[in-house]
Amino acid sequence: MAVGPTAPAAAASFRPPIPPPPPCFDYRAAVLADTRAAADPALAGLVDSGALVRVPRRRFGPVPAWRPPDFEEPEEVWVLGTSHLSAESVADVERVLRAVRPDNVVVELCRSRQDLTFLHSIKQARFFFVPELAK
C-alpha cells in the first residue's frame, strides 16, 4: 500500500510561486534592447545572436523577505551561453570579461563537468584559468 499522495495528486497540488509569462512572451526580444544599449560594441555579435543577455536589476523582482536587510542585489547580471570548452566559447568569455569587467563570475556546469572538478586539481585542470585575465 502506498504511503503519501500519489504522483498525479502531488503534481496537481504543485503551484509555482510566480506565474509563468504568457505563451507568446518573447524574453529575448524583451531584453534585447537593454542588452544592446549597455553592451560594448565589440560584443554586438554575441548580443545579436542571443548568446549574451543583460538582465538589469529592475527585472529581478523584489528582494525576498528572508534576505538580510543589508543585502544588495547587483545592478545587472550578464548571461553568456557557451559550448563545453570550444575555442570559440573561450574567446567569447574572454571578450565579455574584458568588456564588462564584472565583480563576480558564476560558471554553470553540467553534472559530467562538475565531476571533472573532483577528479583533477585546479593546477591540473588548466582550462579553469585564463592567465591573460589575471594581469
C-alpha atoms as a PDB file:
ATOM      1  CA  MET A   1       0.000   0.000   0.000  1.00  0.00           C
ATOM      2  CA  ALA A   2       1.406   3.400  -0.988  1.00  0.00           C
ATOM      3  CA  VAL A   3       2.043   5.993   1.671  1.00  0.00           C
ATOM      4  CA  GLY A   4       1.510   9.687   0.913  1.00  0.00           C
ATOM      5  CA  PRO A   5      -0.005  11.329  -2.149  1.00  0.00           C
ATOM      6  CA  THR A   6       0.142   9.578  -5.476  1.00  0.00           C
ATOM      7  CA  ALA A   7       2.118  11.123  -8.313  1.00  0.00           C
ATOM      8  CA  PRO A   8      -0.946  12.667 -10.056  1.00  0.00           C
ATOM      9  CA  ALA A   9      -2.227  14.163  -6.794  1.00  0.00           C
ATOM     10  CA  ALA A  10       1.199  15.575  -5.937  1.00  0.00           C
ATOM     11  CA  ALA A  11       1.561  17.069  -9.403  1.00  0.00           C
ATOM     12  CA  ALA A  12      -1.922  18.591  -9.243  1.00  0.00           C
ATOM     13  CA  SER A  13      -1.197  20.278  -5.893  1.00  0.00           C
ATOM     14  CA  PHE A  14       2.054  21.914  -7.063  1.00  0.00           C
ATOM     15  CA  ARG A  15       1.772  25.634  -7.719  1.00  0.00           C
ATOM     16  CA  PRO A  16       4.739  27.667  -8.969  1.00  0.00           C
ATOM     17  CA  PRO A  17       5.499  30.677  -6.751  1.00  0.00           C
ATOM     18  CA  ILE A  18       5.394  33.059  -9.727  1.00  0.00           C
ATOM     19  CA  PRO A  19       3.019  32.660 -12.641  1.00  0.00           C
ATOM     20  CA  PRO A  20       4.831  31.993 -15.919  1.00  0.00           C
ATOM     21  CA  PRO A  21       4.725  34.531 -18.737  1.00  0.00           C
ATOM     22  CA  PRO A  22       2.092  34.054 -21.435  1.00  0.00           C
ATOM     23  CA  PRO A  23       2.992  31.574 -24.199  1.00  0.00           C
ATOM     24  CA  CYS A  24       3.510  34.388 -26.706  1.00  0.00           C
ATOM     25  CA  PHE A  25       6.105  36.164 -24.494  1.00  0.00           C
ATOM     26  CA  ASP A  26       9.477  36.571 -26.227  1.00  0.00           C
ATOM     27  CA  TYR A  27      12.055  37.087 -23.475  1.00  0.00           C
ATOM     28  CA  ARG A  28      14.886  37.576 -25.947  1.00  0.00           C
ATOM     29  CA  ALA A  29      13.072  40.446 -27.666  1.00  0.00           C
ATOM     30  CA  ALA A  30      12.102  41.932 -24.300  1.00  0.00           C
ATOM     31  CA  VAL A  31      15.698  42.173 -23.084  1.00  0.00           C
ATOM     32  CA  LEU A  32      17.494  42.675 -26.403  1.00  0.00           C
ATOM     33  CA  ALA A  33      17.166  46.475 -26.379  1.00  0.00           C
ATOM     34  CA  ASP A  34      18.556  46.726 -22.815  1.00  0.00           C
ATOM     35  CA  THR A  35      21.416  44.407 -23.696  1.00  0.00           C
ATOM     36  CA  ARG A  36      22.275  46.141 -26.958  1.00  0.00           C
ATOM     37  CA  ALA A  37      22.232  49.586 -25.307  1.00  0.00           C
ATOM     38  CA  ALA A  38      24.525  48.531 -22.449  1.00  0.00           C
ATOM     39  CA  ALA A  39      26.908  46.256 -24.331  1.00  0.00           C
ATOM     40  CA  ASP A  40      30.294  47.241 -25.644  1.00  0.00           C
ATOM     41  CA  PRO A  41      30.106  47.474 -29.472  1.00  0.00           C
ATOM     42  CA  ALA A  42      32.695  44.668 -29.633  1.00  0.00           C
ATOM     43  CA  LEU A  43      30.040  42.360 -28.152  1.00  0.00           C
ATOM     44  CA  ALA A  44      27.326  43.184 -30.712  1.00  0.00           C
ATOM     45  CA  GLY A  45      27.663  39.834 -32.481  1.00  0.00           C
ATOM     46  CA  LEU A  46      27.090  37.922 -29.241  1.00  0.00           C
ATOM     47  CA  VAL A  47      24.086  40.107 -28.389  1.00  0.00           C
ATOM     48  CA  ASP A  48      22.526  39.792 -31.844  1.00  0.00           C
ATOM     49  CA  SER A  49      22.943  36.004 -31.820  1.00  0.00           C
ATOM     50  CA  GLY A  50      21.228  35.796 -28.422  1.00  0.00           C
ATOM     51  CA  ALA A  51      24.307  34.294 -26.761  1.00  0.00           C
ATOM     52  CA  LEU A  52      24.778  37.345 -24.491  1.00  0.00           C
ATOM     53  CA  VAL A  53      21.941  38.846 -22.454  1.00  0.00           C
ATOM     54  CA  ARG A  54      21.960  41.607 -19.836  1.00  0.00           C
ATOM     55  CA  VAL A  55      19.358  41.479 -17.086  1.00  0.00           C
ATOM     56  CA  PRO A  56      19.155  44.821 -15.233  1.00  0.00           C
ATOM     57  CA  ARG A  57      18.184  44.896 -11.559  1.00  0.00           C
ATOM     58  CA  ARG A  58      14.697  46.250 -12.251  1.00  0.00           C
ATOM     59  CA  ARG A  59      13.858  42.897 -13.911  1.00  0.00           C
ATOM     60  CA  PHE A  60      14.905  40.810 -10.859  1.00  0.00           C
ATOM     61  CA  GLY A  61      11.712  41.454  -8.933  1.00  0.00           C
ATOM     62  CA  PRO A  62      11.542  42.308  -5.231  1.00  0.00           C
ATOM     63  CA  VAL A  63      14.227  41.161  -2.810  1.00  0.00           C
ATOM     64  CA  PRO A  64      12.820  38.199  -0.840  1.00  0.00           C
ATOM     65  CA  ALA A  65      11.908  38.949   2.783  1.00  0.00           C
ATOM     66  CA  TRP A  66      14.287  36.247   4.064  1.00  0.00           C
ATOM     67  CA  ARG A  67      17.343  38.132   2.771  1.00  0.00           C
ATOM     68  CA  PRO A  68      19.276  40.212   5.342  1.00  0.00           C
ATOM     69  CA  PRO A  69      18.316  43.912   5.419  1.00  0.00           C
ATOM     70  CA  ASP A  70      21.755  44.979   4.163  1.00  0.00           C
ATOM     71  CA  PHE A  71      21.600  42.607   1.165  1.00  0.00           C
ATOM     72  CA  GLU A  72      22.099  44.423  -2.105  1.00  0.00           C
ATOM     73  CA  GLU A  73      21.208  42.978  -5.496  1.00  0.00           C
ATOM     74  CA  PRO A  74      23.753  43.538  -8.275  1.00  0.00           C
ATOM     75  CA  GLU A  75      22.999  46.341 -10.721  1.00  0.00           C
ATOM     76  CA  GLU A  76      22.949  43.876 -13.573  1.00  0.00           C
ATOM     77  CA  VAL A  77      23.588  40.256 -14.456  1.00  0.00           C
ATOM     78  CA  TRP A  78      25.166  39.258 -17.762  1.00  0.00           C
ATOM     79  CA  VAL A  79      24.425  35.749 -19.042  1.00  0.00           C
ATOM     80  CA  LEU A  80      26.598  34.205 -21.764  1.00  0.00           C
ATOM     81  CA  GLY A  81      25.731  30.911 -23.409  1.00  0.00           C
ATOM     82  CA  THR A  82      28.769  28.795 -24.288  1.00  0.00           C
ATOM     83  CA  SER A  83      29.742  25.346 -25.534  1.00  0.00           C
ATOM     84  CA  HIS A  84      31.880  22.989 -23.495  1.00  0.00           C
ATOM     85  CA  LEU A  85      35.446  24.196 -23.867  1.00  0.00           C
ATOM     86  CA  SER A  86      35.209  25.142 -27.524  1.00  0.00           C
ATOM     87  CA  ALA A  87      37.887  27.571 -28.680  1.00  0.00           C
ATOM     88  CA  GLU A  88      35.164  29.978 -29.816  1.00  0.00           C
ATOM     89  CA  SER A  89      33.487  29.894 -26.383  1.00  0.00           C
ATOM     90  CA  VAL A  90      36.794  30.558 -24.646  1.00  0.00           C
ATOM     91  CA  ALA A  91      37.319  33.604 -26.882  1.00  0.00           C
ATOM     92  CA  ASP A  92      33.729  34.773 -26.254  1.00  0.00           C
ATOM     93  CA  VAL A  93      34.153  34.503 -22.478  1.00  0.00           C
ATOM     94  CA  GLU A  94      37.416  36.429 -22.627  1.00  0.00           C
ATOM     95  CA  ARG A  95      35.808  39.198 -24.737  1.00  0.00           C
ATOM     96  CA  VAL A  96      32.873  39.542 -22.345  1.00  0.00           C
ATOM     97  CA  LEU A  97      35.081  39.569 -19.230  1.00  0.00           C
ATOM     98  CA  ARG A  98      37.340  42.243 -20.719  1.00  0.00           C
ATOM     99  CA  ALA A  99      34.419  44.420 -21.843  1.00  0.00           C
ATOM    100  CA  VAL A 100      32.113  44.047 -18.825  1.00  0.00           C
ATOM    101  CA  ARG A 101      34.766  43.732 -16.049  1.00  0.00           C
ATOM    102  CA  PRO A 102      32.309  42.031 -13.672  1.00  0.00           C
ATOM    103  CA  ASP A 103      32.708  41.959  -9.894  1.00  0.00           C
ATOM    104  CA  ASN A 104      31.725  38.273  -9.851  1.00  0.00           C
ATOM    105  CA  VAL A 105      31.609  35.402 -12.307  1.00  0.00           C
ATOM    106  CA  VAL A 106      29.420  32.318 -11.975  1.00  0.00           C
ATOM    107  CA  VAL A 107      30.004  29.216 -14.079  1.00  0.00           C
ATOM    108  CA  GLU A 108      27.211  26.686 -14.550  1.00  0.00           C
ATOM    109  CA  LEU A 109      28.484  23.197 -15.239  1.00  0.00           C
ATOM    110  CA  CYS A 110      26.615  20.071 -16.270  1.00  0.00           C
ATOM    111  CA  ARG A 111      26.983  17.048 -13.995  1.00  0.00           C
ATOM    112  CA  SER A 112      29.770  15.496 -16.099  1.00  0.00           C
ATOM    113  CA  ARG A 113      31.817  18.712 -15.994  1.00  0.00           C
ATOM    114  CA  GLN A 114      31.213  19.040 -12.248  1.00  0.00           C
ATOM    115  CA  ASP A 115      32.630  15.561 -11.809  1.00  0.00           C
ATOM    116  CA  LEU A 116      35.802  16.661 -13.594  1.00  0.00           C
ATOM    117  CA  THR A 117      36.461  19.228 -10.874  1.00  0.00           C
ATOM    118  CA  PHE A 118      36.607  16.425  -8.334  1.00  0.00           C
ATOM    119  CA  LEU A 119      38.849  14.240 -10.482  1.00  0.00           C
ATOM    120  CA  HIS A 120      41.534  16.846 -11.125  1.00  0.00           C
ATOM    121  CA  SER A 121      43.151  19.524  -9.034  1.00  0.00           C
ATOM    122  CA  ILE A 122      42.845  23.111 -10.234  1.00  0.00           C
ATOM    123  CA  LYS A 123      46.519  23.034 -11.183  1.00  0.00           C
ATOM    124  CA  GLN A 124      45.992  20.014 -13.444  1.00  0.00           C
ATOM    125  CA  ALA A 125      42.771  21.373 -14.974  1.00  0.00           C
ATOM    126  CA  ARG A 126      44.360  24.388 -16.668  1.00  0.00           C
ATOM    127  CA  PHE A 127      41.166  25.257 -18.544  1.00  0.00           C
ATOM    128  CA  PHE A 128      39.743  26.809 -15.341  1.00  0.00           C
ATOM    129  CA  PHE A 129      42.276  29.663 -15.501  1.00  0.00           C
ATOM    130  CA  VAL A 130      42.811  32.275 -18.187  1.00  0.00           C
ATOM    131  CA  PRO A 131      46.270  33.777 -17.446  1.00  0.00           C
ATOM    132  CA  GLU A 132      45.704  36.866 -19.618  1.00  0.00           C
ATOM    133  CA  LEU A 133      42.794  37.925 -17.389  1.00  0.00           C
ATOM    134  CA  ALA A 134      44.838  37.656 -14.185  1.00  0.00           C
ATOM    135  CA  LYS A 135      47.036  40.614 -15.175  1.00  0.00           C
END
